[in-house]
Amino acid sequence: MNCGKRETELIVALDFVKLQDALDFVETAGDSVTWYKIGSQLFCSAGPAAVAALKARGKKVFLDLKFYDIPNTVASAVAEAVKMGADMVNVHASGGREMMMAAVKAAADNSPAGKRPLLIAVTVLTSMDAATLTEVTNRKDAYTPSVHVPYLAKLAKESGMDGVVASAHEIDLIRSACGGDFVLVIPGIRPADSSVDDQKRIMTPREAAAKGADFIVVGRPVLKARNPAEAARAIKAEMVS
């Protein structure tokens, strides 16, 4: 599985407003989950305290704030994310080469030797389909994610990023453009019996792992489960079956 690389890892999205609710969930999930994603909602509510609380509990943190600004501003934001202990940080690849290179330098300059977090570039959101992408890029043709995603992935790699966030449907294209060592973080994952919610380009955990995802991001199928720990373990088992 996973193109001869390490086993696919599960990241659970902590989509909570209140930090205590998030920490209660982490306690319930126990050792079934190692990686958690802190997104804009929880970070705007709790700030760096959310990262500190997870790190104090021995968890790894994907700080999913999708930085997208002028290079100096993004570099400053990445530096602060590194200082607060994030294990993975993302920026928008659409910010361009100079912005991503500034992020890479800021991470290196503010990390202990050998301790730099993974830097990941967002390509095309999994809620976007070809029609939406055509609209936002102001193109008259049907500009598809299958064209735009590998282009942005290659730009991210050339800029020194460790990998990208992309739909599972573009894994093969990204591997062809960027090689097997490029880290792929795959959201839009739903077990076969789950609702697709607001995602448009989705795949099951088994399919994503088989294609070579390094990380899959799952939210509601675990957060809303009657037994979150059991749900997380079931997804992990599915990925290696």
Protein backbone atom coordinates (compact mmCIF):
# COMPACT_ATOMS: atom_id res chain seq x y z
CA MET A 1 0.00 0.00 0.00
CA ASN A 2 0.87 3.70 -0.14
CA CYS A 3 3.39 3.36 -2.96
CA GLY A 4 5.95 1.65 -0.73
CA LYS A 5 6.01 4.57 1.70
CA ARG A 6 4.97 4.76 5.34
CA GLU A 7 1.44 3.87 6.31
CA THR A 8 -1.19 6.53 5.83
CA GLU A 9 -1.86 8.53 9.01
CA LEU A 10 -5.22 9.79 10.24
CA ILE A 11 -5.77 13.45 11.13
CA VAL A 12 -9.02 14.29 12.90
CA ALA A 13 -10.37 17.81 12.38
CA LEU A 14 -11.27 19.44 15.70
CA ASP A 15 -14.26 21.38 14.36
CA PHE A 16 -15.37 22.87 17.66
CA VAL A 17 -16.03 26.43 18.77
CA LYS A 18 -15.07 26.00 22.42
CA LEU A 19 -11.66 24.72 23.43
CA GLN A 20 -13.06 22.71 26.33
CA ASP A 21 -15.39 20.84 23.99
CA ALA A 22 -12.42 20.02 21.78
CA LEU A 23 -10.36 18.81 24.74
CA ASP A 24 -13.25 16.71 26.00
CA PHE A 25 -13.34 15.03 22.60
CA VAL A 26 -9.57 14.45 22.65
CA GLU A 27 -9.94 12.81 26.05
CA THR A 28 -12.75 10.59 24.74
CA ALA A 29 -10.78 9.56 21.65
CA GLY A 30 -7.76 8.68 23.78
CA ASP A 31 -4.85 6.99 22.03
CA SER A 32 -6.94 6.18 18.94
CA VAL A 33 -5.94 9.57 17.46
CA THR A 34 -2.46 11.11 17.41
CA TRP A 35 -2.88 13.92 14.86
CA TYR A 36 -5.45 16.69 15.18
CA LYS A 37 -6.27 19.58 12.86
CA ILE A 38 -6.95 22.99 14.35
CA GLY A 39 -8.77 25.15 11.83
CA SER A 40 -9.91 28.76 11.69
CA GLN A 41 -13.00 28.25 13.85
CA LEU A 42 -11.25 26.83 16.92
CA PHE A 43 -8.18 29.03 16.49
CA CYS A 44 -10.27 32.21 16.30
CA SER A 45 -12.03 31.10 19.49
CA ALA A 46 -9.10 29.85 21.55
CA GLY A 47 -5.94 31.03 19.78
CA PRO A 48 -2.50 29.56 20.53
CA ALA A 49 -3.90 28.02 23.72
CA ALA A 50 -5.53 25.34 21.55
CA VAL A 51 -2.16 24.30 20.13
CA ALA A 52 -0.52 24.37 23.57
CA ALA A 53 -3.28 22.24 25.10
CA LEU A 54 -2.93 19.53 22.46
CA LYS A 55 0.86 19.51 22.65
CA ALA A 56 0.62 19.17 26.45
CA ARG A 57 -1.42 16.02 25.86
CA GLY A 58 1.21 14.53 23.56
CA LYS A 59 -0.71 15.14 20.34
CA LYS A 60 0.54 16.35 16.97
CA VAL A 61 -1.02 19.46 15.52
CA PHE A 62 -1.84 20.39 11.94
CA LEU A 63 -2.47 24.15 12.12
CA ASP A 64 -4.86 24.62 9.22
CA LEU A 65 -5.02 28.41 8.79
CA LYS A 66 -4.22 28.46 5.05
CA PHE A 67 -2.04 31.58 5.12
CA TYR A 68 -2.45 33.67 1.96
CA ASP A 69 -0.97 37.17 1.95
CA ILE A 70 2.10 39.11 0.89
CA PRO A 71 5.35 37.17 1.48
CA ASN A 72 6.47 39.15 4.53
CA THR A 73 3.13 38.74 6.29
CA VAL A 74 2.98 35.01 5.59
CA ALA A 75 6.58 34.57 6.74
CA SER A 76 5.76 36.30 10.03
CA ALA A 77 2.67 34.15 10.53
CA VAL A 78 4.56 30.92 9.80
CA ALA A 79 7.29 31.95 12.24
CA GLU A 80 4.70 32.33 15.01
CA ALA A 81 3.07 29.01 14.11
CA VAL A 82 6.45 27.31 14.40
CA LYS A 83 7.15 28.94 17.77
CA MET A 84 3.84 27.77 19.19
CA GLY A 85 4.73 24.15 18.36
CA ALA A 86 2.65 23.25 15.30
CA ASP A 87 3.81 20.05 13.60
CA MET A 88 2.26 20.91 10.24
CA VAL A 89 1.41 24.35 8.81
CA ASN A 90 -0.26 25.24 5.54
CA VAL A 91 -0.36 28.16 3.12
CA HIS A 92 -2.22 28.67 -0.16
CA ALA A 93 -0.15 27.68 -3.19
CA SER A 94 -2.06 30.37 -5.09
CA GLY A 95 -0.03 32.91 -3.13
CA GLY A 96 2.85 32.15 -5.48
CA ARG A 97 6.47 31.11 -5.45
CA GLU A 98 7.87 34.09 -3.53
CA MET A 99 5.29 33.73 -0.77
CA MET A 100 5.94 29.99 -0.37
CA MET A 101 9.71 30.45 -0.37
CA ALA A 102 9.32 33.09 2.37
CA ALA A 103 7.27 30.61 4.39
CA VAL A 104 9.94 27.92 4.03
CA LYS A 105 12.69 30.29 5.13
CA ALA A 106 10.69 31.53 8.11
CA ALA A 107 10.04 27.96 9.25
CA ALA A 108 13.71 27.03 8.95
CA ASP A 109 14.89 30.18 10.74
CA ASN A 110 12.57 29.62 13.69
CA SER A 111 12.88 25.85 14.18
CA PRO A 112 15.46 23.92 16.20
CA ALA A 113 17.79 21.87 13.99
CA GLY A 114 15.93 18.91 12.53
CA LYS A 115 12.63 19.98 14.09
CA ARG A 116 11.00 22.01 11.31
CA PRO A 117 7.29 21.32 10.93
CA LEU A 118 5.89 20.05 7.65
CA LEU A 119 4.99 22.92 5.32
CA ILE A 120 2.02 22.11 3.13
CA ALA A 121 0.48 24.12 0.29
CA VAL A 122 -3.26 24.12 -0.36
CA THR A 123 -4.04 23.52 -4.05
CA VAL A 124 -7.79 23.49 -4.79
CA LEU A 125 -10.36 23.14 -2.00
CA THR A 126 -12.26 19.85 -2.07
CA SER A 127 -15.52 21.83 -1.99
CA MET A 128 -14.67 23.25 -5.43
CA ASP A 129 -15.56 21.54 -8.70
CA ALA A 130 -14.67 22.46 -12.29
CA ALA A 131 -17.45 25.05 -12.56
CA THR A 132 -16.35 26.84 -9.41
CA LEU A 133 -12.69 26.77 -10.43
CA THR A 134 -13.53 28.18 -13.86
CA GLU A 135 -15.47 30.98 -12.18
CA VAL A 136 -12.77 32.01 -9.69
CA THR A 137 -9.94 31.85 -12.25
CA ASN A 138 -11.97 33.95 -14.73
CA ARG A 139 -11.59 31.45 -17.53
CA LYS A 140 -14.09 30.81 -20.31
CA ASP A 141 -13.20 27.14 -20.71
CA ALA A 142 -13.91 24.37 -18.22
CA TYR A 143 -10.72 24.74 -16.18
CA THR A 144 -10.59 21.56 -14.15
CA PRO A 145 -8.89 20.65 -10.86
CA SER A 146 -7.08 17.85 -12.74
CA VAL A 147 -5.19 20.56 -14.64
CA HIS A 148 -4.76 23.20 -11.94
CA VAL A 149 -3.88 20.98 -8.97
CA PRO A 150 -0.73 19.32 -10.39
CA TYR A 151 0.42 22.71 -11.68
CA LEU A 152 0.17 24.23 -8.20
CA ALA A 153 1.72 21.13 -6.63
CA LYS A 154 4.76 21.37 -8.87
CA LEU A 155 5.07 25.08 -8.09
CA ALA A 156 4.91 24.28 -4.38
CA LYS A 157 7.64 21.66 -4.66
CA GLU A 158 9.88 24.02 -6.62
CA SER A 159 9.34 26.59 -3.85
CA GLY A 160 10.60 24.19 -1.17
CA MET A 161 7.29 23.09 0.32
CA ASP A 162 7.10 19.56 1.74
CA GLY A 163 3.79 18.68 0.14
CA VAL A 164 0.27 19.77 -0.66
CA VAL A 165 -3.34 19.49 0.41
CA ALA A 166 -5.42 18.11 -2.45
CA SER A 167 -8.36 15.88 -3.27
CA ALA A 168 -7.71 12.15 -3.46
CA HIS A 169 -8.79 12.33 -7.09
CA GLU A 170 -5.59 14.19 -7.95
CA ILE A 171 -3.14 11.90 -6.11
CA ASP A 172 -1.92 10.11 -9.24
CA LEU A 173 -1.46 13.40 -11.10
CA ILE A 174 0.51 14.93 -8.24
CA ARG A 175 2.72 11.86 -7.88
CA SER A 176 3.51 12.05 -11.61
CA ALA A 177 4.38 15.74 -11.32
CA CYS A 178 6.20 15.72 -7.98
CA GLY A 179 7.42 12.20 -7.22
CA GLY A 180 6.88 9.75 -4.39
CA ASP A 181 8.52 11.71 -1.56
CA PHE A 182 6.16 14.69 -1.81
CA VAL A 183 3.78 14.67 1.17
CA LEU A 184 0.08 14.42 0.31
CA VAL A 185 -2.53 15.54 2.85
CA ILE A 186 -5.96 14.46 1.67
CA PRO A 187 -9.22 15.94 3.02
CA GLY A 188 -12.66 15.13 1.70
CA ILE A 189 -12.45 11.58 3.04
CA ARG A 190 -15.66 9.79 3.90
CA PRO A 191 -16.16 6.14 4.91
CA ALA A 192 -18.47 4.38 2.45
CA ASP A 193 -21.49 4.62 4.75
CA SER A 194 -21.07 8.33 5.62
CA SER A 195 -22.79 11.45 4.31
CA VAL A 196 -20.76 13.52 1.80
CA ASP A 197 -21.94 16.76 3.51
CA ASP A 198 -20.53 19.80 1.62
CA GLN A 199 -17.66 17.95 -0.07
CA LYS A 200 -17.75 17.48 -3.85
CA ARG A 201 -14.58 15.50 -4.60
CA ILE A 202 -14.42 12.72 -2.02
CA MET A 203 -13.00 9.21 -1.59
CA THR A 204 -13.05 6.48 1.04
CA PRO A 205 -10.12 5.95 3.45
CA ARG A 206 -9.22 2.65 1.78
CA GLU A 207 -9.15 4.20 -1.70
CA ALA A 208 -7.08 7.20 -0.60
CA ALA A 209 -4.54 5.04 1.22
CA ALA A 210 -4.23 2.67 -1.73
CA LYS A 211 -3.52 5.61 -4.02
CA GLY A 212 -0.71 6.87 -1.79
CA ALA A 213 -2.06 9.46 0.63
CA ASP A 214 0.39 10.24 3.44
CA PHE A 215 -2.32 11.75 5.64
CA ILE A 216 -6.09 11.72 5.41
CA VAL A 217 -8.23 14.32 7.18
CA VAL A 218 -11.56 13.23 8.64
CA GLY A 219 -13.99 15.35 10.60
CA ARG A 220 -17.68 14.58 11.03
CA PRO A 221 -17.50 10.77 10.58
CA VAL A 222 -15.37 10.66 13.76
CA LEU A 223 -16.61 13.75 15.61
CA LYS A 224 -20.25 12.73 15.32
CA ALA A 225 -19.74 9.02 15.95
CA ARG A 226 -21.36 7.44 18.99
CA ASN A 227 -17.95 6.01 19.86
CA PRO A 228 -15.23 8.29 18.40
CA ALA A 229 -12.35 6.03 19.41
CA GLU A 230 -13.99 3.06 17.74
CA ALA A 231 -14.72 5.12 14.61
CA ALA A 232 -11.10 6.31 14.40
CA ARG A 233 -9.73 2.79 14.82
CA ALA A 234 -12.13 1.50 12.15
CA ILE A 235 -10.84 4.10 9.67
CA LYS A 236 -7.23 3.17 10.47
CA ALA A 237 -8.03 -0.52 10.00
CA GLU A 238 -9.71 0.22 6.68
CA MET A 239 -6.62 2.07 5.43
CA VAL A 240 -4.36 -0.97 5.86
CA SER A 241 -6.82 -3.67 4.82
